[in-house]
Amino acid sequence: MIALALVLLLVAGACYLVRLVVGPSLADRIVALDGLVVVIVAAVFVDAVRDDSPRFLDITLVVAMVGFTGATAAARFVERRGG
């Protein structure tokens, strides 16, 4: 079951990566980057559950906070820019 979750996260990450590269607007790229950060954090959490080890959980928490802050700042930038 955990392997299936990792495969699905890999597929989601690939979709976000395509949107990040192809995205027609800056807002699309920002949303794709934020989604990619969420997928990476979720994959690390699933891997921690699989190994039954809390090695990287504190690091993923910090990455999630930084990703949220970055997405918020980027959204504010796009809003002020007008598009």
PDB file of N, CA and C in Angstrom:
ATOM      1  N   MET A   1       0.813  -1.190   0.000  1.00  0.00           N
ATOM      2  CA  MET A   1       0.000   0.000   0.000  1.00  0.00           C
ATOM      3  C   MET A   1       0.865   1.266   0.000  1.00  0.00           C
ATOM      4  N   ILE A   2       1.964   1.211   0.731  1.00  0.00           N
ATOM      5  CA  ILE A   2       2.858   2.362   0.782  1.00  0.00           C
ATOM      6  C   ILE A   2       3.547   2.557  -0.568  1.00  0.00           C
ATOM      7  N   ALA A   3       3.875   1.452  -1.230  1.00  0.00           N
ATOM      8  CA  ALA A   3       4.482   1.557  -2.558  1.00  0.00           C
ATOM      9  C   ALA A   3       3.520   2.222  -3.541  1.00  0.00           C
ATOM     10  N   LEU A   4       2.243   1.895  -3.427  1.00  0.00           N
ATOM     11  CA  LEU A   4       1.236   2.523  -4.286  1.00  0.00           C
ATOM     12  C   LEU A   4       1.158   4.029  -4.020  1.00  0.00           C
ATOM     13  N   ALA A   5       1.223   4.400  -2.754  1.00  0.00           N
ATOM     14  CA  ALA A   5       1.196   5.825  -2.405  1.00  0.00           C
ATOM     15  C   ALA A   5       2.405   6.547  -2.996  1.00  0.00           C
ATOM     16  N   LEU A   6       3.572   5.922  -2.926  1.00  0.00           N
ATOM     17  CA  LEU A   6       4.768   6.548  -3.496  1.00  0.00           C
ATOM     18  C   LEU A   6       4.673   6.663  -5.013  1.00  0.00           C
ATOM     19  N   VAL A   7       4.097   5.667  -5.667  1.00  0.00           N
ATOM     20  CA  VAL A   7       3.925   5.724  -7.125  1.00  0.00           C
ATOM     21  C   VAL A   7       2.957   6.844  -7.497  1.00  0.00           C
ATOM     22  N   LEU A   8       1.866   6.948  -6.756  1.00  0.00           N
ATOM     23  CA  LEU A   8       0.900   8.017  -7.040  1.00  0.00           C
ATOM     24  C   LEU A   8       1.501   9.394  -6.783  1.00  0.00           C
ATOM     25  N   LEU A   9       2.315   9.517  -5.753  1.00  0.00           N
ATOM     26  CA  LEU A   9       3.003  10.790  -5.505  1.00  0.00           C
ATOM     27  C   LEU A   9       4.002  11.093  -6.623  1.00  0.00           C
ATOM     28  N   LEU A  10       4.642  10.069  -7.156  1.00  0.00           N
ATOM     29  CA  LEU A  10       5.550  10.266  -8.284  1.00  0.00           C
ATOM     30  C   LEU A  10       4.798  10.769  -9.516  1.00  0.00           C
ATOM     31  N   VAL A  11       3.635  10.193  -9.772  1.00  0.00           N
ATOM     32  CA  VAL A  11       2.812  10.641 -10.904  1.00  0.00           C
ATOM     33  C   VAL A  11       2.359  12.085 -10.696  1.00  0.00           C
ATOM     34  N   ALA A  12       1.921  12.404  -9.477  1.00  0.00           N
ATOM     35  CA  ALA A  12       1.495  13.777  -9.178  1.00  0.00           C
ATOM     36  C   ALA A  12       2.666  14.747  -9.330  1.00  0.00           C
ATOM     37  N   GLY A  13       3.837  14.351  -8.862  1.00  0.00           N
ATOM     38  CA  GLY A  13       5.016  15.205  -9.012  1.00  0.00           C
ATOM     39  C   GLY A  13       5.371  15.435 -10.470  1.00  0.00           C
ATOM     40  N   ALA A  14       5.235  14.405 -11.281  1.00  0.00           N
ATOM     41  CA  ALA A  14       5.517  14.556 -12.712  1.00  0.00           C
ATOM     42  C   ALA A  14       4.521  15.510 -13.365  1.00  0.00           C
ATOM     43  N   CYS A  15       3.259  15.405 -12.971  1.00  0.00           N
ATOM     44  CA  CYS A  15       2.247  16.322 -13.524  1.00  0.00           C
ATOM     45  C   CYS A  15       2.541  17.772 -13.126  1.00  0.00           C
ATOM     46  N   TYR A  16       2.898  17.972 -11.863  1.00  0.00           N
ATOM     47  CA  TYR A  16       3.248  19.324 -11.420  1.00  0.00           C
ATOM     48  C   TYR A  16       4.497  19.835 -12.132  1.00  0.00           C
ATOM     49  N   LEU A  17       5.450  18.955 -12.365  1.00  0.00           N
ATOM     50  CA  LEU A  17       6.674  19.369 -13.057  1.00  0.00           C
ATOM     51  C   LEU A  17       6.378  19.784 -14.495  1.00  0.00           C
ATOM     52  N   VAL A  18       5.486  19.059 -15.160  1.00  0.00           N
ATOM     53  CA  VAL A  18       5.091  19.447 -16.520  1.00  0.00           C
ATOM     54  C   VAL A  18       4.418  20.812 -16.499  1.00  0.00           C
ATOM     55  N   ARG A  19       3.523  21.034 -15.542  1.00  0.00           N
ATOM     56  CA  ARG A  19       2.837  22.332 -15.449  1.00  0.00           C
ATOM     57  C   ARG A  19       3.823  23.439 -15.118  1.00  0.00           C
ATOM     58  N   LEU A  20       4.851  23.119 -14.337  1.00  0.00           N
ATOM     59  CA  LEU A  20       5.866  24.116 -13.999  1.00  0.00           C
ATOM     60  C   LEU A  20       6.646  24.544 -15.232  1.00  0.00           C
ATOM     61  N   VAL A  21       6.941  23.613 -16.104  1.00  0.00           N
ATOM     62  CA  VAL A  21       7.717  23.928 -17.303  1.00  0.00           C
ATOM     63  C   VAL A  21       6.846  24.535 -18.392  1.00  0.00           C
ATOM     64  N   VAL A  22       5.639  23.992 -18.591  1.00  0.00           N
ATOM     65  CA  VAL A  22       4.795  24.393 -19.714  1.00  0.00           C
ATOM     66  C   VAL A  22       3.853  25.536 -19.359  1.00  0.00           C
ATOM     67  N   GLY A  23       3.575  25.716 -18.075  1.00  0.00           N
ATOM     68  CA  GLY A  23       2.570  26.677 -17.619  1.00  0.00           C
ATOM     69  C   GLY A  23       2.510  27.959 -18.410  1.00  0.00           C
ATOM     70  N   PRO A  24       1.333  28.321 -18.897  1.00  0.00           N
ATOM     71  CA  PRO A  24       1.242  29.507 -19.739  1.00  0.00           C
ATOM     72  C   PRO A  24       1.396  30.823 -18.974  1.00  0.00           C
ATOM     73  N   SER A  25       1.146  30.806 -17.678  1.00  0.00           N
ATOM     74  CA  SER A  25       1.260  32.063 -16.945  1.00  0.00           C
ATOM     75  C   SER A  25       2.131  31.878 -15.707  1.00  0.00           C
ATOM     76  N   LEU A  26       2.510  32.991 -15.133  1.00  0.00           N
ATOM     77  CA  LEU A  26       3.321  32.953 -13.921  1.00  0.00           C
ATOM     78  C   LEU A  26       2.535  32.361 -12.758  1.00  0.00           C
ATOM     79  N   ALA A  27       1.252  32.644 -12.695  1.00  0.00           N
ATOM     80  CA  ALA A  27       0.424  32.090 -11.620  1.00  0.00           C
ATOM     81  C   ALA A  27       0.358  30.567 -11.708  1.00  0.00           C
ATOM     82  N   ASP A  28       0.272  30.013 -12.913  1.00  0.00           N
ATOM     83  CA  ASP A  28       0.277  28.559 -13.081  1.00  0.00           C
ATOM     84  C   ASP A  28       1.576  27.956 -12.576  1.00  0.00           C
ATOM     85  N   ARG A  29       2.665  28.609 -12.873  1.00  0.00           N
ATOM     86  CA  ARG A  29       3.966  28.104 -12.432  1.00  0.00           C
ATOM     87  C   ARG A  29       4.113  28.168 -10.918  1.00  0.00           C
ATOM     88  N   ILE A  30       3.577  29.203 -10.300  1.00  0.00           N
ATOM     89  CA  ILE A  30       3.640  29.327  -8.845  1.00  0.00           C
ATOM     90  C   ILE A  30       2.818  28.228  -8.176  1.00  0.00           C
ATOM     91  N   VAL A  31       1.629  27.982  -8.678  1.00  0.00           N
ATOM     92  CA  VAL A  31       0.780  26.930  -8.124  1.00  0.00           C
ATOM     93  C   VAL A  31       1.440  25.563  -8.323  1.00  0.00           C
ATOM     94  N   ALA A  32       2.050  25.348  -9.472  1.00  0.00           N
ATOM     95  CA  ALA A  32       2.723  24.077  -9.731  1.00  0.00           C
ATOM     96  C   ALA A  32       3.916  23.879  -8.797  1.00  0.00           C
ATOM     97  N   LEU A  33       4.662  24.934  -8.548  1.00  0.00           N
ATOM     98  CA  LEU A  33       5.801  24.823  -7.644  1.00  0.00           C
ATOM     99  C   LEU A  33       5.338  24.533  -6.225  1.00  0.00           C
ATOM    100  N   ASP A  34       4.274  25.178  -5.798  1.00  0.00           N
ATOM    101  CA  ASP A  34       3.733  24.919  -4.466  1.00  0.00           C
ATOM    102  C   ASP A  34       3.216  23.483  -4.370  1.00  0.00           C
ATOM    103  N   GLY A  35       2.552  23.016  -5.393  1.00  0.00           N
ATOM    104  CA  GLY A  35       2.086  21.629  -5.404  1.00  0.00           C
ATOM    105  C   GLY A  35       3.228  20.635  -5.393  1.00  0.00           C
ATOM    106  N   LEU A  36       4.300  20.959  -6.088  1.00  0.00           N
ATOM    107  CA  LEU A  36       5.470  20.094  -6.109  1.00  0.00           C
ATOM    108  C   LEU A  36       6.113  20.015  -4.725  1.00  0.00           C
ATOM    109  N   VAL A  37       6.161  21.128  -4.019  1.00  0.00           N
ATOM    110  CA  VAL A  37       6.689  21.123  -2.654  1.00  0.00           C
ATOM    111  C   VAL A  37       5.814  20.250  -1.756  1.00  0.00           C
ATOM    112  N   VAL A  38       4.505  20.347  -1.906  1.00  0.00           N
ATOM    113  CA  VAL A  38       3.590  19.523  -1.101  1.00  0.00           C
ATOM    114  C   VAL A  38       3.791  18.045  -1.409  1.00  0.00           C
ATOM    115  N   VAL A  39       3.959  17.704  -2.668  1.00  0.00           N
ATOM    116  CA  VAL A  39       4.166  16.305  -3.052  1.00  0.00           C
ATOM    117  C   VAL A  39       5.481  15.783  -2.475  1.00  0.00           C
ATOM    118  N   ILE A  40       6.518  16.585  -2.510  1.00  0.00           N
ATOM    119  CA  ILE A  40       7.810  16.163  -1.959  1.00  0.00           C
ATOM    120  C   ILE A  40       7.704  15.943  -0.456  1.00  0.00           C
ATOM    121  N   VAL A  41       7.046  16.866   0.236  1.00  0.00           N
ATOM    122  CA  VAL A  41       6.867  16.714   1.684  1.00  0.00           C
ATOM    123  C   VAL A  41       6.050  15.457   1.990  1.00  0.00           C
ATOM    124  N   ALA A  42       4.988  15.221   1.238  1.00  0.00           N
ATOM    125  CA  ALA A  42       4.164  14.029   1.448  1.00  0.00           C
ATOM    126  C   ALA A  42       4.956  12.753   1.178  1.00  0.00           C
ATOM    127  N   ALA A  43       5.807  12.769   0.156  1.00  0.00           N
ATOM    128  CA  ALA A  43       6.625  11.593  -0.151  1.00  0.00           C
ATOM    129  C   ALA A  43       7.615  11.303   0.981  1.00  0.00           C
ATOM    130  N   VAL A  44       8.187  12.336   1.549  1.00  0.00           N
ATOM    131  CA  VAL A  44       9.109  12.131   2.668  1.00  0.00           C
ATOM    132  C   VAL A  44       8.353  11.583   3.880  1.00  0.00           C
ATOM    133  N   PHE A  45       7.147  12.080   4.122  1.00  0.00           N
ATOM    134  CA  PHE A  45       6.331  11.554   5.218  1.00  0.00           C
ATOM    135  C   PHE A  45       5.994  10.079   4.990  1.00  0.00           C
ATOM    136  N   VAL A  46       5.593   9.725   3.781  1.00  0.00           N
ATOM    137  CA  VAL A  46       5.264   8.330   3.476  1.00  0.00           C
ATOM    138  C   VAL A  46       6.502   7.454   3.633  1.00  0.00           C
ATOM    139  N   ASP A  47       7.648   7.947   3.211  1.00  0.00           N
ATOM    140  CA  ASP A  47       8.889   7.191   3.373  1.00  0.00           C
ATOM    141  C   ASP A  47       9.231   7.021   4.850  1.00  0.00           C
ATOM    142  N   ALA A  48       8.965   8.029   5.658  1.00  0.00           N
ATOM    143  CA  ALA A  48       9.215   7.923   7.100  1.00  0.00           C
ATOM    144  C   ALA A  48       8.296   6.888   7.730  1.00  0.00           C
ATOM    145  N   VAL A  49       7.061   6.825   7.263  1.00  0.00           N
ATOM    146  CA  VAL A  49       6.142   5.803   7.764  1.00  0.00           C
ATOM    147  C   VAL A  49       6.616   4.420   7.347  1.00  0.00           C
ATOM    148  N   ARG A  50       7.077   4.308   6.129  1.00  0.00           N
ATOM    149  CA  ARG A  50       7.559   3.013   5.628  1.00  0.00           C
ATOM    150  C   ARG A  50       8.751   2.512   6.429  1.00  0.00           C
ATOM    151  N   ASP A  51       9.692   3.411   6.738  1.00  0.00           N
ATOM    152  CA  ASP A  51      10.878   3.031   7.504  1.00  0.00           C
ATOM    153  C   ASP A  51      10.638   3.012   9.005  1.00  0.00           C
ATOM    154  N   ASP A  52       9.481   3.511   9.442  1.00  0.00           N
ATOM    155  CA  ASP A  52       9.159   3.650  10.863  1.00  0.00           C
ATOM    156  C   ASP A  52      10.264   4.437  11.579  1.00  0.00           C
ATOM    157  N   SER A  53      10.635   5.567  10.955  1.00  0.00           N
ATOM    158  CA  SER A  53      11.721   6.387  11.476  1.00  0.00           C
ATOM    159  C   SER A  53      11.373   7.867  11.317  1.00  0.00           C
ATOM    160  N   PRO A  54      11.540   8.656  12.370  1.00  0.00           N
ATOM    161  CA  PRO A  54      11.236  10.099  12.276  1.00  0.00           C
ATOM    162  C   PRO A  54      12.438  10.941  11.856  1.00  0.00           C
ATOM    163  N   ARG A  55      13.302  10.396  10.992  1.00  0.00           N
ATOM    164  CA  ARG A  55      14.545  11.097  10.627  1.00  0.00           C
ATOM    165  C   ARG A  55      14.317  12.482  10.052  1.00  0.00           C
ATOM    166  N   PHE A  56      13.508  12.579   9.037  1.00  0.00           N
ATOM    167  CA  PHE A  56      13.402  13.827   8.289  1.00  0.00           C
ATOM    168  C   PHE A  56      12.109  14.598   8.558  1.00  0.00           C
ATOM    169  N   LEU A  57      11.367  14.218   9.568  1.00  0.00           N
ATOM    170  CA  LEU A  57      10.079  14.858   9.793  1.00  0.00           C
ATOM    171  C   LEU A  57      10.215  16.323  10.192  1.00  0.00           C
ATOM    172  N   ASP A  58      11.226  16.657  10.979  1.00  0.00           N
ATOM    173  CA  ASP A  58      11.411  18.071  11.339  1.00  0.00           C
ATOM    174  C   ASP A  58      11.842  18.893  10.133  1.00  0.00           C
ATOM    175  N   ILE A  59      12.647  18.311   9.272  1.00  0.00           N
ATOM    176  CA  ILE A  59      13.083  19.022   8.067  1.00  0.00           C
ATOM    177  C   ILE A  59      11.902  19.248   7.127  1.00  0.00           C
ATOM    178  N   THR A  60      11.040  18.251   6.987  1.00  0.00           N
ATOM    179  CA  THR A  60       9.889  18.415   6.103  1.00  0.00           C
ATOM    180  C   THR A  60       8.916  19.458   6.635  1.00  0.00           C
ATOM    181  N   LEU A  61       8.815  19.559   7.949  1.00  0.00           N
ATOM    182  CA  LEU A  61       7.961  20.590   8.529  1.00  0.00           C
ATOM    183  C   LEU A  61       8.479  21.981   8.177  1.00  0.00           C
ATOM    184  N   VAL A  62       9.775  22.173   8.259  1.00  0.00           N
ATOM    185  CA  VAL A  62      10.374  23.462   7.902  1.00  0.00           C
ATOM    186  C   VAL A  62      10.209  23.731   6.408  1.00  0.00           C
ATOM    187  N   VAL A  63      10.407  22.718   5.579  1.00  0.00           N
ATOM    188  CA  VAL A  63      10.247  22.888   4.127  1.00  0.00           C
ATOM    189  C   VAL A  63       8.801  23.252   3.788  1.00  0.00           C
ATOM    190  N   ALA A  64       7.847  22.634   4.466  1.00  0.00           N
ATOM    191  CA  ALA A  64       6.441  22.955   4.226  1.00  0.00           C
ATOM    192  C   ALA A  64       6.145  24.401   4.618  1.00  0.00           C
ATOM    193  N   MET A  65       6.696  24.857   5.737  1.00  0.00           N
ATOM    194  CA  MET A  65       6.479  26.249   6.159  1.00  0.00           C
ATOM    195  C   MET A  65       7.115  27.234   5.182  1.00  0.00           C
ATOM    196  N   VAL A  66       8.311  26.939   4.748  1.00  0.00           N
ATOM    197  CA  VAL A  66       8.989  27.814   3.788  1.00  0.00           C
ATOM    198  C   VAL A  66       8.249  27.810   2.452  1.00  0.00           C
ATOM    199  N   GLY A  67       7.756  26.642   2.034  1.00  0.00           N
ATOM    200  CA  GLY A  67       6.990  26.560   0.794  1.00  0.00           C
ATOM    201  C   GLY A  67       5.716  27.377   0.861  1.00  0.00           C
ATOM    202  N   PHE A  68       5.020  27.309   1.993  1.00  0.00           N
ATOM    203  CA  PHE A  68       3.803  28.097   2.157  1.00  0.00           C
ATOM    204  C   PHE A  68       4.114  29.590   2.142  1.00  0.00           C
ATOM    205  N   THR A  69       5.153  29.980   2.840  1.00  0.00           N
ATOM    206  CA  THR A  69       5.541  31.397   2.877  1.00  0.00           C
ATOM    207  C   THR A  69       5.943  31.885   1.489  1.00  0.00           C
ATOM    208  N   GLY A  70       6.684  31.061   0.764  1.00  0.00           N
ATOM    209  CA  GLY A  70       7.084  31.438  -0.588  1.00  0.00           C
ATOM    210  C   GLY A  70       5.908  31.551  -1.537  1.00  0.00           C
ATOM    211  N   ALA A  71       4.971  30.622  -1.432  1.00  0.00           N
ATOM    212  CA  ALA A  71       3.787  30.678  -2.293  1.00  0.00           C
ATOM    213  C   ALA A  71       2.942  31.903  -1.966  1.00  0.00           C
ATOM    214  N   THR A  72       2.846  32.236  -0.687  1.00  0.00           N
ATOM    215  CA  THR A  72       2.085  33.426  -0.300  1.00  0.00           C
ATOM    216  C   THR A  72       2.744  34.693  -0.829  1.00  0.00           C
ATOM    217  N   ALA A  73       4.061  34.771  -0.705  1.00  0.00           N
ATOM    218  CA  ALA A  73       4.778  35.942  -1.213  1.00  0.00           C
ATOM    219  C   ALA A  73       4.661  36.044  -2.732  1.00  0.00           C
ATOM    220  N   ALA A  74       4.758  34.918  -3.413  1.00  0.00           N
ATOM    221  CA  ALA A  74       4.646  34.934  -4.871  1.00  0.00           C
ATOM    222  C   ALA A  74       3.234  35.323  -5.310  1.00  0.00           C
ATOM    223  N   ALA A  75       2.221  34.839  -4.601  1.00  0.00           N
ATOM    224  CA  ALA A  75       0.840  35.209  -4.935  1.00  0.00           C
ATOM    225  C   ALA A  75       0.622  36.702  -4.731  1.00  0.00           C
ATOM    226  N   ARG A  76       1.208  37.240  -3.691  1.00  0.00           N
ATOM    227  CA  ARG A  76       1.095  38.685  -3.446  1.00  0.00           C
ATOM    228  C   ARG A  76       1.789  39.480  -4.563  1.00  0.00           C
ATOM    229  N   PHE A  77       2.940  38.979  -5.015  1.00  0.00           N
ATOM    230  CA  PHE A  77       3.655  39.616  -6.109  1.00  0.00           C
ATOM    231  C   PHE A  77       2.821  39.615  -7.387  1.00  0.00           C
ATOM    232  N   VAL A  78       2.213  38.453  -7.694  1.00  0.00           N
ATOM    233  CA  VAL A  78       1.392  38.361  -8.911  1.00  0.00           C
ATOM    234  C   VAL A  78       0.175  39.258  -8.797  1.00  0.00           C
ATOM    235  N   GLU A  79      -0.408  39.343  -7.604  1.00  0.00           N
ATOM    236  CA  GLU A  79      -1.582  40.188  -7.406  1.00  0.00           C
ATOM    237  C   GLU A  79      -1.232  41.652  -7.619  1.00  0.00           C
ATOM    238  N   ARG A  80      -0.109  42.090  -7.099  1.00  0.00           N
ATOM    239  CA  ARG A  80       0.286  43.496  -7.270  1.00  0.00           C
ATOM    240  C   ARG A  80       0.686  43.802  -8.700  1.00  0.00           C
ATOM    241  N   ARG A  81       1.249  42.797  -9.369  1.00  0.00           N
ATOM    242  CA  ARG A  81       1.672  42.985 -10.753  1.00  0.00           C
ATOM    243  C   ARG A  81       0.471  43.085 -11.684  1.00  0.00           C
ATOM    244  N   GLY A  82      -0.640  42.486 -11.261  1.00  0.00           N
ATOM    245  CA  GLY A  82      -1.854  42.596 -12.064  1.00  0.00           C
ATOM    246  C   GLY A  82      -2.048  41.477 -13.047  1.00  0.00           C
ATOM    247  N   GLY A  83      -1.595  40.303 -12.743  1.00  0.00           N
ATOM    248  CA  GLY A  83      -1.844  39.268 -13.711  1.00  0.00           C
ATOM    249  C   GLY A  83      -1.380  37.950 -13.275  1.00  0.00           C
TER     250      GLY A  83
END
